[in-house]
Amino acid sequence: MRSLWTWSPNKLDRAGEPRLVLVLTRKIRQSIMIGDEIEVRVLSNDGTKVRLGIQAPSDVSVHRTEVYLAIQGQDQDSADSHERHDLTRAQASRQSR
């Protein structure tokens, strides 16, 4: 297995610093472990698409990035909606005094 640590200046960590990204080369049927319980295995590679198999505990969410971002957007929209509702309620309460 070849590996290469590279900087990813387009992606920032939570502290706003560039994230260090580990780049690995794997062949079909080879895998990597993330921690003790998550295994990512290369199932196939046709030159344009790579199929990955992911074994993880049932309490670990695994999503494609676009799905994850959509979920995060829904959560933020929901939080914004609750915040607007709370603000409207607070304003109504002040006006009724």
PDB file of N, CA and C in Angstrom:
ATOM      1  N   MET A   1       0.846  -1.178   0.000  1.00  0.00           N
ATOM      2  CA  MET A   1       0.000   0.000   0.000  1.00  0.00           C
ATOM      3  C   MET A   1       0.883   1.229   0.000  1.00  0.00           C
ATOM      4  N   ARG A   2       0.657   2.081  -0.995  1.00  0.00           N
ATOM      5  CA  ARG A   2       1.332   3.364  -1.004  1.00  0.00           C
ATOM      6  C   ARG A   2       0.439   4.370  -0.297  1.00  0.00           C
ATOM      7  N   SER A   3       1.034   5.277   0.419  1.00  0.00           N
ATOM      8  CA  SER A   3       0.243   6.348   1.017  1.00  0.00           C
ATOM      9  C   SER A   3       1.004   7.644   0.895  1.00  0.00           C
ATOM     10  N   LEU A   4       0.273   8.716   0.894  1.00  0.00           N
ATOM     11  CA  LEU A   4       0.854  10.021   0.731  1.00  0.00           C
ATOM     12  C   LEU A   4       0.024  11.013   1.520  1.00  0.00           C
ATOM     13  N   TRP A   5       0.664  11.747   2.382  1.00  0.00           N
ATOM     14  CA  TRP A   5      -0.035  12.794   3.127  1.00  0.00           C
ATOM     15  C   TRP A   5       0.061  14.067   2.319  1.00  0.00           C
ATOM     16  N   THR A   6      -1.044  14.698   2.053  1.00  0.00           N
ATOM     17  CA  THR A   6      -1.039  15.945   1.298  1.00  0.00           C
ATOM     18  C   THR A   6      -1.892  16.980   2.015  1.00  0.00           C
ATOM     19  N   TRP A   7      -1.613  18.237   1.739  1.00  0.00           N
ATOM     20  CA  TRP A   7      -2.429  19.320   2.274  1.00  0.00           C
ATOM     21  C   TRP A   7      -3.595  19.541   1.342  1.00  0.00           C
ATOM     22  N   SER A   8      -4.720  19.838   1.879  1.00  0.00           N
ATOM     23  CA  SER A   8      -5.896  20.144   1.085  1.00  0.00           C
ATOM     24  C   SER A   8      -6.302  21.582   1.400  1.00  0.00           C
ATOM     25  N   PRO A   9      -5.739  22.564   0.686  1.00  0.00           N
ATOM     26  CA  PRO A   9      -6.003  23.958   1.029  1.00  0.00           C
ATOM     27  C   PRO A   9      -7.447  24.375   0.821  1.00  0.00           C
ATOM     28  N   ASN A  10      -8.211  23.634   0.019  1.00  0.00           N
ATOM     29  CA  ASN A  10      -9.611  23.985  -0.203  1.00  0.00           C
ATOM     30  C   ASN A  10     -10.516  23.516   0.928  1.00  0.00           C
ATOM     31  N   LYS A  11     -10.033  22.604   1.741  1.00  0.00           N
ATOM     32  CA  LYS A  11     -10.827  22.089   2.852  1.00  0.00           C
ATOM     33  C   LYS A  11     -10.176  22.545   4.154  1.00  0.00           C
ATOM     34  N   LEU A  12     -10.984  23.078   5.053  1.00  0.00           N
ATOM     35  CA  LEU A  12     -10.461  23.553   6.329  1.00  0.00           C
ATOM     36  C   LEU A  12     -11.014  22.692   7.450  1.00  0.00           C
ATOM     37  N   ASP A  13     -10.207  22.517   8.487  1.00  0.00           N
ATOM     38  CA  ASP A  13     -10.693  21.768   9.639  1.00  0.00           C
ATOM     39  C   ASP A  13     -11.529  22.711  10.502  1.00  0.00           C
ATOM     40  N   ARG A  14     -11.978  22.236  11.628  1.00  0.00           N
ATOM     41  CA  ARG A  14     -12.855  23.042  12.483  1.00  0.00           C
ATOM     42  C   ARG A  14     -12.175  24.283  13.026  1.00  0.00           C
ATOM     43  N   ALA A  15     -10.849  24.268  13.107  1.00  0.00           N
ATOM     44  CA  ALA A  15     -10.117  25.430  13.598  1.00  0.00           C
ATOM     45  C   ALA A  15      -9.785  26.396  12.465  1.00  0.00           C
ATOM     46  N   GLY A  16     -10.221  26.090  11.236  1.00  0.00           N
ATOM     47  CA  GLY A  16      -9.968  26.958  10.104  1.00  0.00           C
ATOM     48  C   GLY A  16      -8.621  26.748   9.440  1.00  0.00           C
ATOM     49  N   GLU A  17      -7.908  25.723   9.865  1.00  0.00           N
ATOM     50  CA  GLU A  17      -6.599  25.413   9.274  1.00  0.00           C
ATOM     51  C   GLU A  17      -6.777  24.447   8.111  1.00  0.00           C
ATOM     52  N   PRO A  18      -5.868  24.477   7.110  1.00  0.00           N
ATOM     53  CA  PRO A  18      -5.949  23.486   6.034  1.00  0.00           C
ATOM     54  C   PRO A  18      -5.867  22.075   6.611  1.00  0.00           C
ATOM     55  N   ARG A  19      -6.669  21.187   6.054  1.00  0.00           N
ATOM     56  CA  ARG A  19      -6.734  19.818   6.542  1.00  0.00           C
ATOM     57  C   ARG A  19      -5.675  18.951   5.888  1.00  0.00           C
ATOM     58  N   LEU A  20      -5.073  18.084   6.658  1.00  0.00           N
ATOM     59  CA  LEU A  20      -4.136  17.105   6.140  1.00  0.00           C
ATOM     60  C   LEU A  20      -4.952  15.912   5.634  1.00  0.00           C
ATOM     61  N   VAL A  21      -4.721  15.485   4.401  1.00  0.00           N
ATOM     62  CA  VAL A  21      -5.492  14.418   3.783  1.00  0.00           C
ATOM     63  C   VAL A  21      -4.567  13.248   3.479  1.00  0.00           C
ATOM     64  N   LEU A  22      -4.943  12.061   3.907  1.00  0.00           N
ATOM     65  CA  LEU A  22      -4.183  10.855   3.598  1.00  0.00           C
ATOM     66  C   LEU A  22      -4.698  10.286   2.285  1.00  0.00           C
ATOM     67  N   VAL A  23      -3.832  10.146   1.306  1.00  0.00           N
ATOM     68  CA  VAL A  23      -4.188   9.597   0.002  1.00  0.00           C
ATOM     69  C   VAL A  23      -3.620   8.185  -0.070  1.00  0.00           C
ATOM     70  N   LEU A  24      -4.487   7.194  -0.315  1.00  0.00           N
ATOM     71  CA  LEU A  24      -4.077   5.789  -0.353  1.00  0.00           C
ATOM     72  C   LEU A  24      -4.325   5.199  -1.734  1.00  0.00           C
ATOM     73  N   THR A  25      -3.530   4.238  -2.106  1.00  0.00           N
ATOM     74  CA  THR A  25      -3.750   3.466  -3.323  1.00  0.00           C
ATOM     75  C   THR A  25      -4.136   2.053  -2.904  1.00  0.00           C
ATOM     76  N   ARG A  26      -5.285   1.583  -3.390  1.00  0.00           N
ATOM     77  CA  ARG A  26      -5.771   0.242  -3.067  1.00  0.00           C
ATOM     78  C   ARG A  26      -6.201  -0.449  -4.342  1.00  0.00           C
ATOM     79  N   LYS A  27      -6.060  -1.739  -4.382  1.00  0.00           N
ATOM     80  CA  LYS A  27      -6.522  -2.557  -5.501  1.00  0.00           C
ATOM     81  C   LYS A  27      -7.860  -3.185  -5.127  1.00  0.00           C
ATOM     82  N   ILE A  28      -8.513  -3.781  -6.122  1.00  0.00           N
ATOM     83  CA  ILE A  28      -9.784  -4.459  -5.866  1.00  0.00           C
ATOM     84  C   ILE A  28      -9.582  -5.531  -4.808  1.00  0.00           C
ATOM     85  N   ARG A  29     -10.542  -5.619  -3.895  1.00  0.00           N
ATOM     86  CA  ARG A  29     -10.586  -6.537  -2.756  1.00  0.00           C
ATOM     87  C   ARG A  29      -9.652  -6.121  -1.624  1.00  0.00           C
ATOM     88  N   GLN A  30      -8.923  -5.030  -1.776  1.00  0.00           N
ATOM     89  CA  GLN A  30      -8.122  -4.518  -0.666  1.00  0.00           C
ATOM     90  C   GLN A  30      -8.966  -3.511   0.106  1.00  0.00           C
ATOM     91  N   SER A  31      -8.598  -3.279   1.349  1.00  0.00           N
ATOM     92  CA  SER A  31      -9.413  -2.397   2.178  1.00  0.00           C
ATOM     93  C   SER A  31      -8.540  -1.539   3.076  1.00  0.00           C
ATOM     94  N   ILE A  32      -9.195  -0.605   3.731  1.00  0.00           N
ATOM     95  CA  ILE A  32      -8.554   0.193   4.774  1.00  0.00           C
ATOM     96  C   ILE A  32      -9.441   0.126   6.009  1.00  0.00           C
ATOM     97  N   MET A  33      -8.851   0.324   7.155  1.00  0.00           N
ATOM     98  CA  MET A  33      -9.587   0.361   8.417  1.00  0.00           C
ATOM     99  C   MET A  33      -9.585   1.790   8.934  1.00  0.00           C
ATOM    100  N   ILE A  34     -10.733   2.224   9.413  1.00  0.00           N
ATOM    101  CA  ILE A  34     -10.855   3.510  10.085  1.00  0.00           C
ATOM    102  C   ILE A  34     -11.197   3.183  11.526  1.00  0.00           C
ATOM    103  N   GLY A  35     -10.255   3.419  12.405  1.00  0.00           N
ATOM    104  CA  GLY A  35     -10.435   2.995  13.785  1.00  0.00           C
ATOM    105  C   GLY A  35     -10.451   1.476  13.852  1.00  0.00           C
ATOM    106  N   ASP A  36     -11.142   0.950  14.853  1.00  0.00           N
ATOM    107  CA  ASP A  36     -11.205  -0.498  15.044  1.00  0.00           C
ATOM    108  C   ASP A  36     -12.419  -1.141  14.394  1.00  0.00           C
ATOM    109  N   GLU A  37     -13.422  -0.331  14.000  1.00  0.00           N
ATOM    110  CA  GLU A  37     -14.704  -0.924  13.612  1.00  0.00           C
ATOM    111  C   GLU A  37     -15.188  -0.595  12.210  1.00  0.00           C
ATOM    112  N   ILE A  38     -14.495   0.267  11.480  1.00  0.00           N
ATOM    113  CA  ILE A  38     -14.975   0.662  10.154  1.00  0.00           C
ATOM    114  C   ILE A  38     -13.977   0.190   9.105  1.00  0.00           C
ATOM    115  N   GLU A  39     -14.487  -0.612   8.170  1.00  0.00           N
ATOM    116  CA  GLU A  39     -13.658  -1.111   7.072  1.00  0.00           C
ATOM    117  C   GLU A  39     -14.231  -0.612   5.757  1.00  0.00           C
ATOM    118  N   VAL A  40     -13.366  -0.064   4.912  1.00  0.00           N
ATOM    119  CA  VAL A  40     -13.746   0.393   3.580  1.00  0.00           C
ATOM    120  C   VAL A  40     -12.987  -0.477   2.583  1.00  0.00           C
ATOM    121  N   ARG A  41     -13.734  -1.214   1.740  1.00  0.00           N
ATOM    122  CA  ARG A  41     -13.128  -2.160   0.806  1.00  0.00           C
ATOM    123  C   ARG A  41     -13.449  -1.740  -0.631  1.00  0.00           C
ATOM    124  N   VAL A  42     -12.447  -1.835  -1.511  1.00  0.00           N
ATOM    125  CA  VAL A  42     -12.656  -1.572  -2.936  1.00  0.00           C
ATOM    126  C   VAL A  42     -13.288  -2.826  -3.535  1.00  0.00           C
ATOM    127  N   LEU A  43     -14.510  -2.693  -4.066  1.00  0.00           N
ATOM    128  CA  LEU A  43     -15.212  -3.834  -4.649  1.00  0.00           C
ATOM    129  C   LEU A  43     -14.948  -3.950  -6.137  1.00  0.00           C
ATOM    130  N   SER A  44     -14.925  -2.816  -6.834  1.00  0.00           N
ATOM    131  CA  SER A  44     -14.641  -2.842  -8.265  1.00  0.00           C
ATOM    132  C   SER A  44     -14.187  -1.462  -8.717  1.00  0.00           C
ATOM    133  N   ASN A  45     -13.554  -1.448  -9.889  1.00  0.00           N
ATOM    134  CA  ASN A  45     -13.082  -0.207 -10.475  1.00  0.00           C
ATOM    135  C   ASN A  45     -13.104  -0.411 -11.982  1.00  0.00           C
ATOM    136  N   ASP A  46     -13.991   0.326 -12.672  1.00  0.00           N
ATOM    137  CA  ASP A  46     -14.072   0.159 -14.132  1.00  0.00           C
ATOM    138  C   ASP A  46     -13.338   1.265 -14.882  1.00  0.00           C
ATOM    139  N   GLY A  47     -12.554   2.044 -14.200  1.00  0.00           N
ATOM    140  CA  GLY A  47     -11.802   3.124 -14.830  1.00  0.00           C
ATOM    141  C   GLY A  47     -12.446   4.483 -14.638  1.00  0.00           C
ATOM    142  N   THR A  48     -13.777   4.515 -14.521  1.00  0.00           N
ATOM    143  CA  THR A  48     -14.463   5.781 -14.276  1.00  0.00           C
ATOM    144  C   THR A  48     -15.215   5.771 -12.948  1.00  0.00           C
ATOM    145  N   LYS A  49     -15.581   4.596 -12.478  1.00  0.00           N
ATOM    146  CA  LYS A  49     -16.312   4.464 -11.223  1.00  0.00           C
ATOM    147  C   LYS A  49     -15.605   3.468 -10.318  1.00  0.00           C
ATOM    148  N   VAL A  50     -15.613   3.782  -9.038  1.00  0.00           N
ATOM    149  CA  VAL A  50     -15.085   2.875  -8.029  1.00  0.00           C
ATOM    150  C   VAL A  50     -16.241   2.509  -7.116  1.00  0.00           C
ATOM    151  N   ARG A  51     -16.460   1.225  -6.908  1.00  0.00           N
ATOM    152  CA  ARG A  51     -17.485   0.766  -5.965  1.00  0.00           C
ATOM    153  C   ARG A  51     -16.795   0.415  -4.661  1.00  0.00           C
ATOM    154  N   LEU A  52     -17.302   0.976  -3.567  1.00  0.00           N
ATOM    155  CA  LEU A  52     -16.755   0.741  -2.241  1.00  0.00           C
ATOM    156  C   LEU A  52     -17.775   0.012  -1.389  1.00  0.00           C
ATOM    157  N   GLY A  53     -17.292  -0.895  -0.571  1.00  0.00           N
ATOM    158  CA  GLY A  53     -18.117  -1.534   0.438  1.00  0.00           C
ATOM    159  C   GLY A  53     -17.682  -1.011   1.793  1.00  0.00           C
ATOM    160  N   ILE A  54     -18.641  -0.627   2.616  1.00  0.00           N
ATOM    161  CA  ILE A  54     -18.312  -0.053   3.919  1.00  0.00           C
ATOM    162  C   ILE A  54     -18.989  -0.877   4.998  1.00  0.00           C
ATOM    163  N   GLN A  55     -18.188  -1.424   5.900  1.00  0.00           N
ATOM    164  CA  GLN A  55     -18.710  -2.135   7.064  1.00  0.00           C
ATOM    165  C   GLN A  55     -18.493  -1.234   8.263  1.00  0.00           C
ATOM    166  N   ALA A  56     -19.595  -0.893   8.928  1.00  0.00           N
ATOM    167  CA  ALA A  56     -19.521  -0.011  10.087  1.00  0.00           C
ATOM    168  C   ALA A  56     -20.606  -0.421  11.075  1.00  0.00           C
ATOM    169  N   PRO A  57     -20.423  -0.104  12.350  1.00  0.00           N
ATOM    170  CA  PRO A  57     -21.469  -0.392  13.331  1.00  0.00           C
ATOM    171  C   PRO A  57     -22.762   0.318  12.944  1.00  0.00           C
ATOM    172  N   SER A  58     -23.887  -0.246  13.345  1.00  0.00           N
ATOM    173  CA  SER A  58     -25.188   0.312  12.956  1.00  0.00           C
ATOM    174  C   SER A  58     -25.423   1.713  13.533  1.00  0.00           C
ATOM    175  N   ASP A  59     -24.691   2.089  14.571  1.00  0.00           N
ATOM    176  CA  ASP A  59     -24.889   3.427  15.143  1.00  0.00           C
ATOM    177  C   ASP A  59     -24.046   4.499  14.444  1.00  0.00           C
ATOM    178  N   VAL A  60     -23.285   4.108  13.408  1.00  0.00           N
ATOM    179  CA  VAL A  60     -22.472   5.058  12.640  1.00  0.00           C
ATOM    180  C   VAL A  60     -23.209   5.368  11.348  1.00  0.00           C
ATOM    181  N   SER A  61     -23.498   6.648  11.110  1.00  0.00           N
ATOM    182  CA  SER A  61     -24.157   7.062   9.874  1.00  0.00           C
ATOM    183  C   SER A  61     -23.134   7.102   8.747  1.00  0.00           C
ATOM    184  N   VAL A  62     -23.512   6.539   7.610  1.00  0.00           N
ATOM    185  CA  VAL A  62     -22.652   6.569   6.430  1.00  0.00           C
ATOM    186  C   VAL A  62     -23.501   7.111   5.281  1.00  0.00           C
ATOM    187  N   HIS A  63     -23.086   8.233   4.710  1.00  0.00           N
ATOM    188  CA  HIS A  63     -23.833   8.878   3.624  1.00  0.00           C
ATOM    189  C   HIS A  63     -22.874   9.330   2.539  1.00  0.00           C
ATOM    190  N   ARG A  64     -23.369   9.411   1.303  1.00  0.00           N
ATOM    191  CA  ARG A  64     -22.631  10.113   0.266  1.00  0.00           C
ATOM    192  C   ARG A  64     -22.592  11.585   0.670  1.00  0.00           C
ATOM    193  N   THR A  65     -21.564  12.305   0.262  1.00  0.00           N
ATOM    194  CA  THR A  65     -21.397  13.691   0.679  1.00  0.00           C
ATOM    195  C   THR A  65     -22.613  14.541   0.339  1.00  0.00           C
ATOM    196  N   GLU A  66     -23.164  14.387  -0.868  1.00  0.00           N
ATOM    197  CA  GLU A  66     -24.297  15.227  -1.253  1.00  0.00           C
ATOM    198  C   GLU A  66     -25.519  14.957  -0.383  1.00  0.00           C
ATOM    199  N   VAL A  67     -25.702  13.725   0.038  1.00  0.00           N
ATOM    200  CA  VAL A  67     -26.811  13.391   0.938  1.00  0.00           C
ATOM    201  C   VAL A  67     -26.542  13.979   2.321  1.00  0.00           C
ATOM    202  N   TYR A  68     -25.316  13.835   2.801  1.00  0.00           N
ATOM    203  CA  TYR A  68     -24.940  14.392   4.103  1.00  0.00           C
ATOM    204  C   TYR A  68     -25.178  15.902   4.130  1.00  0.00           C
ATOM    205  N   LEU A  69     -24.748  16.604   3.071  1.00  0.00           N
ATOM    206  CA  LEU A  69     -24.925  18.059   3.022  1.00  0.00           C
ATOM    207  C   LEU A  69     -26.403  18.439   2.974  1.00  0.00           C
ATOM    208  N   ALA A  70     -27.207  17.656   2.253  1.00  0.00           N
ATOM    209  CA  ALA A  70     -28.646  17.917   2.208  1.00  0.00           C
ATOM    210  C   ALA A  70     -29.265  17.742   3.593  1.00  0.00           C
ATOM    211  N   ILE A  71     -28.851  16.708   4.304  1.00  0.00           N
ATOM    212  CA  ILE A  71     -29.344  16.488   5.673  1.00  0.00           C
ATOM    213  C   ILE A  71     -28.943  17.648   6.568  1.00  0.00           C
ATOM    214  N   GLN A  72     -27.687  18.078   6.458  1.00  0.00           N
ATOM    215  CA  GLN A  72     -27.218  19.209   7.255  1.00  0.00           C
ATOM    216  C   GLN A  72     -28.010  20.464   6.922  1.00  0.00           C
ATOM    217  N   GLY A  73     -28.322  20.673   5.642  1.00  0.00           N
ATOM    218  CA  GLY A  73     -29.120  21.823   5.223  1.00  0.00           C
ATOM    219  C   GLY A  73     -30.518  21.766   5.797  1.00  0.00           C
ATOM    220  N   GLN A  74     -31.122  20.579   5.821  1.00  0.00           N
ATOM    221  CA  GLN A  74     -32.449  20.418   6.408  1.00  0.00           C
ATOM    222  C   GLN A  74     -32.402  20.703   7.897  1.00  0.00           C
ATOM    223  N   ASP A  75     -31.367  20.211   8.568  1.00  0.00           N
ATOM    224  CA  ASP A  75     -31.230  20.461  10.002  1.00  0.00           C
ATOM    225  C   ASP A  75     -31.080  21.952  10.262  1.00  0.00           C
ATOM    226  N   GLN A  76     -30.296  22.648   9.426  1.00  0.00           N
ATOM    227  CA  GLN A  76     -30.103  24.085   9.594  1.00  0.00           C
ATOM    228  C   GLN A  76     -31.401  24.833   9.307  1.00  0.00           C
ATOM    229  N   ASP A  77     -32.128  24.408   8.242  1.00  0.00           N
ATOM    230  CA  ASP A  77     -33.413  25.036   7.930  1.00  0.00           C
ATOM    231  C   ASP A  77     -34.383  24.864   9.081  1.00  0.00           C
ATOM    232  N   SER A  78     -34.395  23.665   9.666  1.00  0.00           N
ATOM    233  CA  SER A  78     -35.271  23.393  10.802  1.00  0.00           C
ATOM    234  C   SER A  78     -34.887  24.252  11.995  1.00  0.00           C
ATOM    235  N   ALA A  79     -33.585  24.379  12.270  1.00  0.00           N
ATOM    236  CA  ALA A  79     -33.113  25.209  13.383  1.00  0.00           C
ATOM    237  C   ALA A  79     -33.469  26.663  13.138  1.00  0.00           C
ATOM    238  N   ASP A  80     -33.297  27.136  11.886  1.00  0.00           N
ATOM    239  CA  ASP A  80     -33.650  28.515  11.549  1.00  0.00           C
ATOM    240  C   ASP A  80     -35.138  28.747  11.735  1.00  0.00           C
ATOM    241  N   SER A  81     -35.953  27.756  11.330  1.00  0.00           N
ATOM    242  CA  SER A  81     -37.403  27.867  11.466  1.00  0.00           C
ATOM    243  C   SER A  81     -37.796  27.964  12.930  1.00  0.00           C
ATOM    244  N   HIS A  82     -37.190  27.126  13.781  1.00  0.00           N
ATOM    245  CA  HIS A  82     -37.484  27.176  15.218  1.00  0.00           C
ATOM    246  C   HIS A  82     -37.049  28.510  15.796  1.00  0.00           C
ATOM    247  N   GLU A  83     -35.892  29.009  15.342  1.00  0.00           N
ATOM    248  CA  GLU A  83     -35.393  30.283  15.842  1.00  0.00           C
ATOM    249  C   GLU A  83     -36.347  31.414  15.446  1.00  0.00           C
ATOM    250  N   ARG A  84     -36.828  31.414  14.192  1.00  0.00           N
ATOM    251  CA  ARG A  84     -37.777  32.442  13.750  1.00  0.00           C
ATOM    252  C   ARG A  84     -39.062  32.348  14.554  1.00  0.00           C
ATOM    253  N   HIS A  85     -39.535  31.110  14.806  1.00  0.00           N
ATOM    254  CA  HIS A  85     -40.761  30.908  15.579  1.00  0.00           C
ATOM    255  C   HIS A  85     -40.577  31.445  16.999  1.00  0.00           C
ATOM    256  N   ASP A  86     -39.432  31.136  17.617  1.00  0.00           N
ATOM    257  CA  ASP A  86     -39.169  31.614  18.973  1.00  0.00           C
ATOM    258  C   ASP A  86     -39.081  33.130  19.007  1.00  0.00           C
ATOM    259  N   LEU A  87     -38.463  33.752  17.998  1.00  0.00           N
ATOM    260  CA  LEU A  87     -38.337  35.192  17.927  1.00  0.00           C
ATOM    261  C   LEU A  87     -39.709  35.836  17.766  1.00  0.00           C
ATOM    262  N   THR A  88     -40.550  35.257  16.904  1.00  0.00           N
ATOM    263  CA  THR A  88     -41.904  35.780  16.698  1.00  0.00           C
ATOM    264  C   THR A  88     -42.709  35.689  17.984  1.00  0.00           C
ATOM    265  N   ARG A  89     -42.568  34.566  18.685  1.00  0.00           N
ATOM    266  CA  ARG A  89     -43.286  34.379  19.945  1.00  0.00           C
ATOM    267  C   ARG A  89     -42.826  35.394  20.985  1.00  0.00           C
ATOM    268  N   ALA A  90     -41.496  35.625  21.044  1.00  0.00           N
ATOM    269  CA  ALA A  90     -40.949  36.597  22.006  1.00  0.00           C
ATOM    270  C   ALA A  90     -41.440  37.999  21.683  1.00  0.00           C
ATOM    271  N   GLN A  91     -41.494  38.372  20.400  1.00  0.00           N
ATOM    272  CA  GLN A  91     -41.969  39.694  20.010  1.00  0.00           C
ATOM    273  C   GLN A  91     -43.431  39.854  20.364  1.00  0.00           C
ATOM    274  N   ALA A  92     -44.240  38.817  20.116  1.00  0.00           N
ATOM    275  CA  ALA A  92     -45.666  38.859  20.435  1.00  0.00           C
ATOM    276  C   ALA A  92     -45.867  38.995  21.938  1.00  0.00           C
ATOM    277  N   SER A  93     -45.039  38.313  22.700  1.00  0.00           N
ATOM    278  CA  SER A  93     -45.136  38.376  24.153  1.00  0.00           C
ATOM    279  C   SER A  93     -44.838  39.784  24.662  1.00  0.00           C
ATOM    280  N   ARG A  94     -43.817  40.415  24.082  1.00  0.00           N
ATOM    281  CA  ARG A  94     -43.458  41.787  24.493  1.00  0.00           C
ATOM    282  C   ARG A  94     -44.563  42.770  24.130  1.00  0.00           C
ATOM    283  N   GLN A  95     -45.174  42.582  22.966  1.00  0.00           N
ATOM    284  CA  GLN A  95     -46.222  43.507  22.502  1.00  0.00           C
ATOM    285  C   GLN A  95     -47.474  43.380  23.339  1.00  0.00           C
ATOM    286  N   SER A  96     -47.735  42.215  23.917  1.00  0.00           N
ATOM    287  CA  SER A  96     -48.954  42.010  24.694  1.00  0.00           C
ATOM    288  C   SER A  96     -48.840  42.580  26.107  1.00  0.00           C
ATOM    289  N   ARG A  97     -47.656  43.005  26.491  1.00  0.00           N
ATOM    290  CA  ARG A  97     -47.458  43.522  27.864  1.00  0.00           C
ATOM    291  C   ARG A  97     -47.961  44.916  28.012  1.00  0.00           C
TER     292      ARG A  97
END
